[in-house]
Amino acid sequence: MSAAEPTAPQPRVLVIDDEAQIRTFLRIALASQGYDVVESETGRDGLTELATRGADLVVLDLGLPDIDGLAVLRELRTASAVPVIVLSVRADEGMKVAALDAGANDYVTKPFGIQEFMARVRGLLRRSVGSEPSPLIYDDGHLRIDLGSRQVALDRIPVALSRKEYGVLATLVRDAGQVVTQQQLMREHWSPEHAADTHYLRIIMAKLRQKLGDNAADPRYLRTEPGVGYRFVATAGM
């Protein structure tokens, strides 16, 4: 009789939210997809849970009763690189930027659609620290981006990109599915004296969309998060 093969542990999701209905909703949805769900009602309890038992992903509400959610996020980031999805009823651009700059990987506004939320969870867990090496190739049969060879092609026809255009696209592809803020892109691809000149970034994005045949009004690949940044929408496995 052969020994049973060991099974991989279920990804552990820590939900930090003081709303019982939201926690129940997320627990049912996540558990139905095989995730191990742990709940905390306060920021302090959530930080203790993460420090003592760990998690593969954190879902963090910003409106907590004991500690401001941004403060929880900043404290969390001093000790952990775990992926974090922020939940908030606040949809203003300033709060989104603040959360992403504080270390959130994604920002979801309440109320939200569970299918899109679960897709974001799966995407973050695929790219989580310590899982698999970052993918080098994106290929959906139409667009191919090979980060190893720095080549981009549409229907097998090479696309000529400037150094800046390629750099911005590569950053978005490496973080596919996640919001990359304007500030992050400016810091990475422009000198400090141009950090506030976000119109340069808008020009680059317009050129990328034109060369990739993407439509800003109905994007297939490059989605704008108004006032916050941009997201590469991966329509194929990577």
C-alpha atoms as a PDB file:
ATOM      1  CA  MET A   1       0.000   0.000   0.000  1.00  0.00           C
ATOM      2  CA  SER A   2       1.577   3.245  -1.062  1.00  0.00           C
ATOM      3  CA  ALA A   3       1.669   6.235   1.229  1.00  0.00           C
ATOM      4  CA  ALA A   4      -0.693   9.033   0.386  1.00  0.00           C
ATOM      5  CA  GLU A   5       0.934  11.956  -1.353  1.00  0.00           C
ATOM      6  CA  PRO A   6       1.100  15.100   0.783  1.00  0.00           C
ATOM      7  CA  THR A   7      -1.370  17.792  -0.191  1.00  0.00           C
ATOM      8  CA  ALA A   8      -0.428  21.443  -0.465  1.00  0.00           C
ATOM      9  CA  PRO A   9      -1.800  23.602   2.357  1.00  0.00           C
ATOM     10  CA  GLN A  10      -4.749  25.800   1.523  1.00  0.00           C
ATOM     11  CA  PRO A  11      -3.841  29.462   0.948  1.00  0.00           C
ATOM     12  CA  ARG A  12      -4.635  31.350   4.141  1.00  0.00           C
ATOM     13  CA  VAL A  13      -6.579  34.617   3.833  1.00  0.00           C
ATOM     14  CA  LEU A  14      -6.810  36.984   6.795  1.00  0.00           C
ATOM     15  CA  VAL A  15      -9.866  39.267   6.655  1.00  0.00           C
ATOM     16  CA  ILE A  16      -9.597  42.360   8.884  1.00  0.00           C
ATOM     17  CA  ASP A  17     -12.999  44.070   8.892  1.00  0.00           C
ATOM     18  CA  ASP A  18     -15.357  45.160  11.653  1.00  0.00           C
ATOM     19  CA  GLU A  19     -18.499  44.559   9.563  1.00  0.00           C
ATOM     20  CA  ALA A  20     -19.866  41.087  10.347  1.00  0.00           C
ATOM     21  CA  GLN A  21     -21.840  40.938   7.103  1.00  0.00           C
ATOM     22  CA  ILE A  22     -18.754  41.654   4.995  1.00  0.00           C
ATOM     23  CA  ARG A  23     -16.713  39.054   6.886  1.00  0.00           C
ATOM     24  CA  THR A  24     -19.433  36.438   6.422  1.00  0.00           C
ATOM     25  CA  PHE A  25     -19.795  37.287   2.728  1.00  0.00           C
ATOM     26  CA  LEU A  26     -16.046  36.999   2.149  1.00  0.00           C
ATOM     27  CA  ARG A  27     -15.684  33.863   4.276  1.00  0.00           C
ATOM     28  CA  ILE A  28     -18.346  32.025   2.277  1.00  0.00           C
ATOM     29  CA  ALA A  29     -16.938  33.158  -1.081  1.00  0.00           C
ATOM     30  CA  LEU A  30     -13.301  32.413  -0.210  1.00  0.00           C
ATOM     31  CA  ALA A  31     -14.016  29.092   1.510  1.00  0.00           C
ATOM     32  CA  SER A  32     -16.019  27.927  -1.511  1.00  0.00           C
ATOM     33  CA  GLN A  33     -12.823  28.303  -3.563  1.00  0.00           C
ATOM     34  CA  GLY A  34     -10.722  26.311  -1.114  1.00  0.00           C
ATOM     35  CA  TYR A  35      -9.158  29.116   0.902  1.00  0.00           C
ATOM     36  CA  ASP A  36      -8.554  28.899   4.646  1.00  0.00           C
ATOM     37  CA  VAL A  37     -10.220  32.048   6.028  1.00  0.00           C
ATOM     38  CA  VAL A  38      -9.373  33.749   9.326  1.00  0.00           C
ATOM     39  CA  GLU A  39     -11.248  36.806  10.584  1.00  0.00           C
ATOM     40  CA  SER A  40     -10.315  39.747  12.805  1.00  0.00           C
ATOM     41  CA  GLU A  41     -12.666  42.542  13.847  1.00  0.00           C
ATOM     42  CA  THR A  42     -10.004  45.096  14.777  1.00  0.00           C
ATOM     43  CA  GLY A  43      -6.702  46.281  13.383  1.00  0.00           C
ATOM     44  CA  ARG A  44      -4.748  45.293  16.489  1.00  0.00           C
ATOM     45  CA  ASP A  45      -6.183  41.761  16.509  1.00  0.00           C
ATOM     46  CA  GLY A  46      -5.419  41.480  12.791  1.00  0.00           C
ATOM     47  CA  LEU A  47      -1.788  42.491  13.272  1.00  0.00           C
ATOM     48  CA  THR A  48      -1.451  40.003  16.142  1.00  0.00           C
ATOM     49  CA  GLU A  49      -3.009  37.240  14.052  1.00  0.00           C
ATOM     50  CA  LEU A  50      -0.637  37.951  11.173  1.00  0.00           C
ATOM     51  CA  ALA A  51       2.404  38.061  13.452  1.00  0.00           C
ATOM     52  CA  THR A  52       1.584  34.834  15.272  1.00  0.00           C
ATOM     53  CA  ARG A  53       0.056  32.631  12.594  1.00  0.00           C
ATOM     54  CA  GLY A  54       0.841  34.305   9.294  1.00  0.00           C
ATOM     55  CA  ALA A  55      -1.257  34.562   6.122  1.00  0.00           C
ATOM     56  CA  ASP A  56      -0.841  34.279   2.372  1.00  0.00           C
ATOM     57  CA  LEU A  57      -3.047  37.302   1.705  1.00  0.00           C
ATOM     58  CA  VAL A  58      -4.678  40.037   3.812  1.00  0.00           C
ATOM     59  CA  VAL A  59      -8.006  41.723   3.073  1.00  0.00           C
ATOM     60  CA  LEU A  60      -7.964  44.992   5.030  1.00  0.00           C
ATOM     61  CA  ASP A  61     -10.825  47.389   5.695  1.00  0.00           C
ATOM     62  CA  LEU A  62      -9.711  51.004   6.209  1.00  0.00           C
ATOM     63  CA  GLY A  63     -12.574  51.941   8.546  1.00  0.00           C
ATOM     64  CA  LEU A  64     -11.600  49.979  11.648  1.00  0.00           C
ATOM     65  CA  PRO A  65     -12.844  50.811  15.176  1.00  0.00           C
ATOM     66  CA  ASP A  66      -9.491  50.868  16.977  1.00  0.00           C
ATOM     67  CA  ILE A  67      -6.738  51.824  14.490  1.00  0.00           C
ATOM     68  CA  ASP A  68      -6.892  53.677  11.206  1.00  0.00           C
ATOM     69  CA  GLY A  69      -6.550  51.194   8.347  1.00  0.00           C
ATOM     70  CA  LEU A  70      -3.626  53.080   6.808  1.00  0.00           C
ATOM     71  CA  ALA A  71      -1.792  52.863  10.136  1.00  0.00           C
ATOM     72  CA  VAL A  72      -2.419  49.108  10.191  1.00  0.00           C
ATOM     73  CA  LEU A  73      -1.072  48.858   6.650  1.00  0.00           C
ATOM     74  CA  ARG A  74       2.078  50.834   7.454  1.00  0.00           C
ATOM     75  CA  GLU A  75       2.777  48.760  10.569  1.00  0.00           C
ATOM     76  CA  LEU A  76       2.130  45.553   8.642  1.00  0.00           C
ATOM     77  CA  ARG A  77       4.605  46.596   5.954  1.00  0.00           C
ATOM     78  CA  THR A  78       7.420  47.050   8.465  1.00  0.00           C
ATOM     79  CA  ALA A  79       7.497  43.292   8.993  1.00  0.00           C
ATOM     80  CA  SER A  80       5.734  41.569   6.098  1.00  0.00           C
ATOM     81  CA  ALA A  81       5.508  41.568   2.302  1.00  0.00           C
ATOM     82  CA  VAL A  82       2.212  39.643   2.311  1.00  0.00           C
ATOM     83  CA  PRO A  83      -0.146  40.802  -0.480  1.00  0.00           C
ATOM     84  CA  VAL A  84      -2.836  43.186   0.782  1.00  0.00           C
ATOM     85  CA  ILE A  85      -6.187  44.061  -0.779  1.00  0.00           C
ATOM     86  CA  VAL A  86      -7.697  47.163   0.800  1.00  0.00           C
ATOM     87  CA  LEU A  87     -11.472  47.421   1.147  1.00  0.00           C
ATOM     88  CA  SER A  88     -13.117  50.787   1.658  1.00  0.00           C
ATOM     89  CA  VAL A  89     -16.364  52.659   1.134  1.00  0.00           C
ATOM     90  CA  ARG A  90     -14.204  55.655   0.203  1.00  0.00           C
ATOM     91  CA  ALA A  91     -13.777  55.912  -3.552  1.00  0.00           C
ATOM     92  CA  ASP A  92     -11.894  59.219  -3.662  1.00  0.00           C
ATOM     93  CA  GLU A  93      -8.616  59.236  -5.545  1.00  0.00           C
ATOM     94  CA  GLY A  94      -6.589  60.613  -2.659  1.00  0.00           C
ATOM     95  CA  MET A  95      -7.423  57.680  -0.392  1.00  0.00           C
ATOM     96  CA  LYS A  96      -6.678  55.145  -3.133  1.00  0.00           C
ATOM     97  CA  VAL A  97      -3.281  56.716  -3.794  1.00  0.00           C
ATOM     98  CA  ALA A  98      -2.505  56.893  -0.063  1.00  0.00           C
ATOM     99  CA  ALA A  99      -3.338  53.202   0.419  1.00  0.00           C
ATOM    100  CA  LEU A 100      -1.338  52.054  -2.592  1.00  0.00           C
ATOM    101  CA  ASP A 101       1.638  54.220  -1.651  1.00  0.00           C
ATOM    102  CA  ALA A 102       1.467  52.838   1.889  1.00  0.00           C
ATOM    103  CA  GLY A 103       1.972  49.343   0.517  1.00  0.00           C
ATOM    104  CA  ALA A 104      -1.410  47.985  -0.565  1.00  0.00           C
ATOM    105  CA  ASN A 105      -1.305  45.771  -3.644  1.00  0.00           C
ATOM    106  CA  ASP A 106      -4.873  46.536  -4.682  1.00  0.00           C
ATOM    107  CA  TYR A 107      -7.850  48.682  -3.674  1.00  0.00           C
ATOM    108  CA  VAL A 108     -11.471  47.582  -3.874  1.00  0.00           C
ATOM    109  CA  THR A 109     -14.369  49.943  -3.228  1.00  0.00           C
ATOM    110  CA  LYS A 110     -17.480  48.741  -1.373  1.00  0.00           C
ATOM    111  CA  PRO A 111     -19.879  47.529  -2.637  1.00  0.00           C
ATOM    112  CA  PHE A 112     -17.975  45.229  -4.974  1.00  0.00           C
ATOM    113  CA  GLY A 113     -18.578  42.309  -7.323  1.00  0.00           C
ATOM    114  CA  ILE A 114     -17.399  39.013  -5.882  1.00  0.00           C
ATOM    115  CA  GLN A 115     -16.220  37.570  -9.216  1.00  0.00           C
ATOM    116  CA  GLU A 116     -13.845  40.453  -9.874  1.00  0.00           C
ATOM    117  CA  PHE A 117     -12.719  40.369  -6.241  1.00  0.00           C
ATOM    118  CA  MET A 118     -11.908  36.646  -6.461  1.00  0.00           C
ATOM    119  CA  ALA A 119      -9.970  37.224  -9.688  1.00  0.00           C
ATOM    120  CA  ARG A 120      -7.851  39.822  -7.890  1.00  0.00           C
ATOM    121  CA  VAL A 121      -7.265  37.401  -5.012  1.00  0.00           C
ATOM    122  CA  ARG A 122      -6.101  34.675  -7.407  1.00  0.00           C
ATOM    123  CA  GLY A 123      -3.832  37.103  -9.254  1.00  0.00           C
ATOM    124  CA  LEU A 124      -2.141  38.333  -6.088  1.00  0.00           C
ATOM    125  CA  LEU A 125      -1.635  34.834  -4.724  1.00  0.00           C
ATOM    126  CA  ARG A 126      -0.018  33.741  -7.999  1.00  0.00           C
ATOM    127  CA  ARG A 127       2.486  36.552  -7.711  1.00  0.00           C
ATOM    128  CA  SER A 128       2.952  36.445  -3.950  1.00  0.00           C
ATOM    129  CA  VAL A 129       6.437  36.634  -2.486  1.00  0.00           C
ATOM    130  CA  GLY A 130       8.173  33.285  -2.249  1.00  0.00           C
ATOM    131  CA  SER A 131       5.822  31.402  -4.570  1.00  0.00           C
ATOM    132  CA  GLU A 132       7.118  31.107  -8.111  1.00  0.00           C
ATOM    133  CA  PRO A 133       9.619  33.169 -10.083  1.00  0.00           C
ATOM    134  CA  SER A 134       8.087  36.178 -11.790  1.00  0.00           C
ATOM    135  CA  PRO A 135       6.783  35.184 -15.214  1.00  0.00           C
ATOM    136  CA  LEU A 136       8.841  36.455 -18.127  1.00  0.00           C
ATOM    137  CA  ILE A 137       6.372  35.927 -20.966  1.00  0.00           C
ATOM    138  CA  TYR A 138       2.801  37.071 -21.533  1.00  0.00           C
ATOM    139  CA  ASP A 139       1.119  35.563 -24.597  1.00  0.00           C
ATOM    140  CA  ASP A 140      -2.614  35.514 -25.293  1.00  0.00           C
ATOM    141  CA  GLY A 141      -2.301  34.520 -28.944  1.00  0.00           C
ATOM    142  CA  HIS A 142      -2.540  38.135 -30.076  1.00  0.00           C
ATOM    143  CA  LEU A 143      -0.112  40.076 -27.915  1.00  0.00           C
ATOM    144  CA  ARG A 144       3.218  38.565 -26.871  1.00  0.00           C
ATOM    145  CA  ILE A 145       5.496  40.293 -24.374  1.00  0.00           C
ATOM    146  CA  ASP A 146       8.789  38.565 -23.630  1.00  0.00           C
ATOM    147  CA  LEU A 147      10.440  40.377 -20.726  1.00  0.00           C
ATOM    148  CA  GLY A 148      13.500  38.143 -20.941  1.00  0.00           C
ATOM    149  CA  SER A 149      14.354  39.152 -24.500  1.00  0.00           C
ATOM    150  CA  ARG A 150      12.667  42.582 -24.283  1.00  0.00           C
ATOM    151  CA  GLN A 151      10.509  41.812 -27.325  1.00  0.00           C
ATOM    152  CA  VAL A 152       6.905  42.777 -27.968  1.00  0.00           C
ATOM    153  CA  ALA A 153       4.831  41.508 -30.905  1.00  0.00           C
ATOM    154  CA  LEU A 154       1.264  41.752 -32.160  1.00  0.00           C
ATOM    155  CA  ASP A 155       0.141  38.756 -34.233  1.00  0.00           C
ATOM    156  CA  ARG A 156       3.842  37.825 -34.551  1.00  0.00           C
ATOM    157  CA  ILE A 157       4.731  41.245 -35.970  1.00  0.00           C
ATOM    158  CA  PRO A 158       7.368  43.010 -33.821  1.00  0.00           C
ATOM    159  CA  VAL A 159       6.248  46.231 -32.162  1.00  0.00           C
ATOM    160  CA  ALA A 160       8.895  48.959 -31.982  1.00  0.00           C
ATOM    161  CA  LEU A 161       8.855  50.631 -28.576  1.00  0.00           C
ATOM    162  CA  SER A 162      11.052  53.376 -27.223  1.00  0.00           C
ATOM    163  CA  ARG A 163      13.122  52.642 -24.118  1.00  0.00           C
ATOM    164  CA  LYS A 164      10.636  54.581 -21.966  1.00  0.00           C
ATOM    165  CA  GLU A 165       7.588  52.917 -23.528  1.00  0.00           C
ATOM    166  CA  TYR A 166       9.032  49.462 -22.981  1.00  0.00           C
ATOM    167  CA  GLY A 167      10.060  50.261 -19.414  1.00  0.00           C
ATOM    168  CA  VAL A 168       6.583  51.414 -18.415  1.00  0.00           C
ATOM    169  CA  LEU A 169       4.927  48.432 -20.132  1.00  0.00           C
ATOM    170  CA  ALA A 170       7.338  45.982 -18.473  1.00  0.00           C
ATOM    171  CA  THR A 171       6.568  47.408 -15.029  1.00  0.00           C
ATOM    172  CA  LEU A 172       2.822  47.046 -15.605  1.00  0.00           C
ATOM    173  CA  VAL A 173       3.181  43.499 -16.955  1.00  0.00           C
ATOM    174  CA  ARG A 174       5.303  42.370 -13.992  1.00  0.00           C
ATOM    175  CA  ASP A 175       2.518  43.556 -11.695  1.00  0.00           C
ATOM    176  CA  ALA A 176      -0.278  42.339 -13.991  1.00  0.00           C
ATOM    177  CA  GLY A 177      -3.692  42.745 -12.440  1.00  0.00           C
ATOM    178  CA  GLN A 178      -2.457  45.187  -9.825  1.00  0.00           C
ATOM    179  CA  VAL A 179      -2.754  48.951  -9.803  1.00  0.00           C
ATOM    180  CA  VAL A 180       0.584  50.690 -10.293  1.00  0.00           C
ATOM    181  CA  THR A 181       0.318  54.297  -9.171  1.00  0.00           C
ATOM    182  CA  GLN A 182       1.441  57.248 -11.241  1.00  0.00           C
ATOM    183  CA  GLN A 183       3.945  58.072  -8.507  1.00  0.00           C
ATOM    184  CA  GLN A 184       5.454  54.581  -8.664  1.00  0.00           C
ATOM    185  CA  LEU A 185       5.864  54.776 -12.437  1.00  0.00           C
ATOM    186  CA  MET A 186       7.297  58.293 -12.307  1.00  0.00           C
ATOM    187  CA  ARG A 187       9.818  57.322  -9.623  1.00  0.00           C
ATOM    188  CA  GLU A 188      10.946  54.265 -11.564  1.00  0.00           C
ATOM    189  CA  HIS A 189      11.186  55.717 -15.059  1.00  0.00           C
ATOM    190  CA  TRP A 190      11.845  59.449 -14.695  1.00  0.00           C
ATOM    191  CA  SER A 191      14.444  61.471 -12.846  1.00  0.00           C
ATOM    192  CA  PRO A 192      13.482  63.077  -9.492  1.00  0.00           C
ATOM    193  CA  GLU A 193      13.147  66.552 -11.015  1.00  0.00           C
ATOM    194  CA  HIS A 194      10.339  65.227 -13.245  1.00  0.00           C
ATOM    195  CA  ALA A 195       8.510  63.292 -10.482  1.00  0.00           C
ATOM    196  CA  ALA A 196       5.503  65.622 -10.664  1.00  0.00           C
ATOM    197  CA  ASP A 197       5.353  65.818 -14.467  1.00  0.00           C
ATOM    198  CA  THR A 198       2.726  63.116 -14.884  1.00  0.00           C
ATOM    199  CA  HIS A 199       1.789  64.446 -18.333  1.00  0.00           C
ATOM    200  CA  TYR A 200       4.924  62.660 -19.594  1.00  0.00           C
ATOM    201  CA  LEU A 201       3.413  59.396 -18.356  1.00  0.00           C
ATOM    202  CA  ARG A 202       0.083  60.132 -20.044  1.00  0.00           C
ATOM    203  CA  ILE A 203       1.928  60.666 -23.340  1.00  0.00           C
ATOM    204  CA  ILE A 204       3.740  57.343 -22.969  1.00  0.00           C
ATOM    205  CA  MET A 205       0.493  55.524 -22.157  1.00  0.00           C
ATOM    206  CA  ALA A 206      -1.217  57.053 -25.198  1.00  0.00           C
ATOM    207  CA  LYS A 207       1.640  55.875 -27.422  1.00  0.00           C
ATOM    208  CA  LEU A 208       1.551  52.388 -25.908  1.00  0.00           C
ATOM    209  CA  ARG A 209      -2.172  52.093 -26.488  1.00  0.00           C
ATOM    210  CA  GLN A 210      -1.759  53.204 -30.080  1.00  0.00           C
ATOM    211  CA  LYS A 211       1.032  50.710 -30.751  1.00  0.00           C
ATOM    212  CA  LEU A 212      -0.785  47.842 -29.013  1.00  0.00           C
ATOM    213  CA  GLY A 213      -4.094  48.648 -30.697  1.00  0.00           C
ATOM    214  CA  ASP A 214      -5.717  49.251 -27.320  1.00  0.00           C
ATOM    215  CA  ASN A 215      -8.764  51.458 -26.804  1.00  0.00           C
ATOM    216  CA  ALA A 216      -8.706  53.725 -23.745  1.00  0.00           C
ATOM    217  CA  ALA A 217     -12.524  53.758 -23.632  1.00  0.00           C
ATOM    218  CA  ASP A 218     -12.739  49.948 -23.690  1.00  0.00           C
ATOM    219  CA  PRO A 219      -9.256  48.687 -22.785  1.00  0.00           C
ATOM    220  CA  ARG A 220      -8.151  45.165 -23.522  1.00  0.00           C
ATOM    221  CA  TYR A 221      -4.746  45.503 -21.834  1.00  0.00           C
ATOM    222  CA  LEU A 222      -4.030  48.936 -20.336  1.00  0.00           C
ATOM    223  CA  ARG A 223      -6.704  50.114 -17.919  1.00  0.00           C
ATOM    224  CA  THR A 224      -6.638  53.576 -16.361  1.00  0.00           C
ATOM    225  CA  GLU A 225      -7.556  53.893 -12.687  1.00  0.00           C
ATOM    226  CA  PRO A 226      -8.580  57.586 -12.775  1.00  0.00           C
ATOM    227  CA  GLY A 227      -6.378  59.819 -10.672  1.00  0.00           C
ATOM    228  CA  VAL A 228      -4.504  56.809  -9.276  1.00  0.00           C
ATOM    229  CA  GLY A 229      -2.524  54.951 -11.922  1.00  0.00           C
ATOM    230  CA  TYR A 230      -2.711  52.095 -14.400  1.00  0.00           C
ATOM    231  CA  ARG A 231      -3.312  48.348 -14.483  1.00  0.00           C
ATOM    232  CA  PHE A 232      -2.255  45.728 -17.050  1.00  0.00           C
ATOM    233  CA  VAL A 233      -5.242  43.444 -17.576  1.00  0.00           C
ATOM    234  CA  ALA A 234      -3.926  39.959 -18.198  1.00  0.00           C
ATOM    235  CA  THR A 235      -6.380  37.995 -20.348  1.00  0.00           C
ATOM    236  CA  ALA A 236      -4.219  34.866 -20.397  1.00  0.00           C
ATOM    237  CA  GLY A 237      -2.183  32.848 -17.938  1.00  0.00           C
ATOM    238  CA  MET A 238       1.349  33.984 -17.286  1.00  0.00           C
END
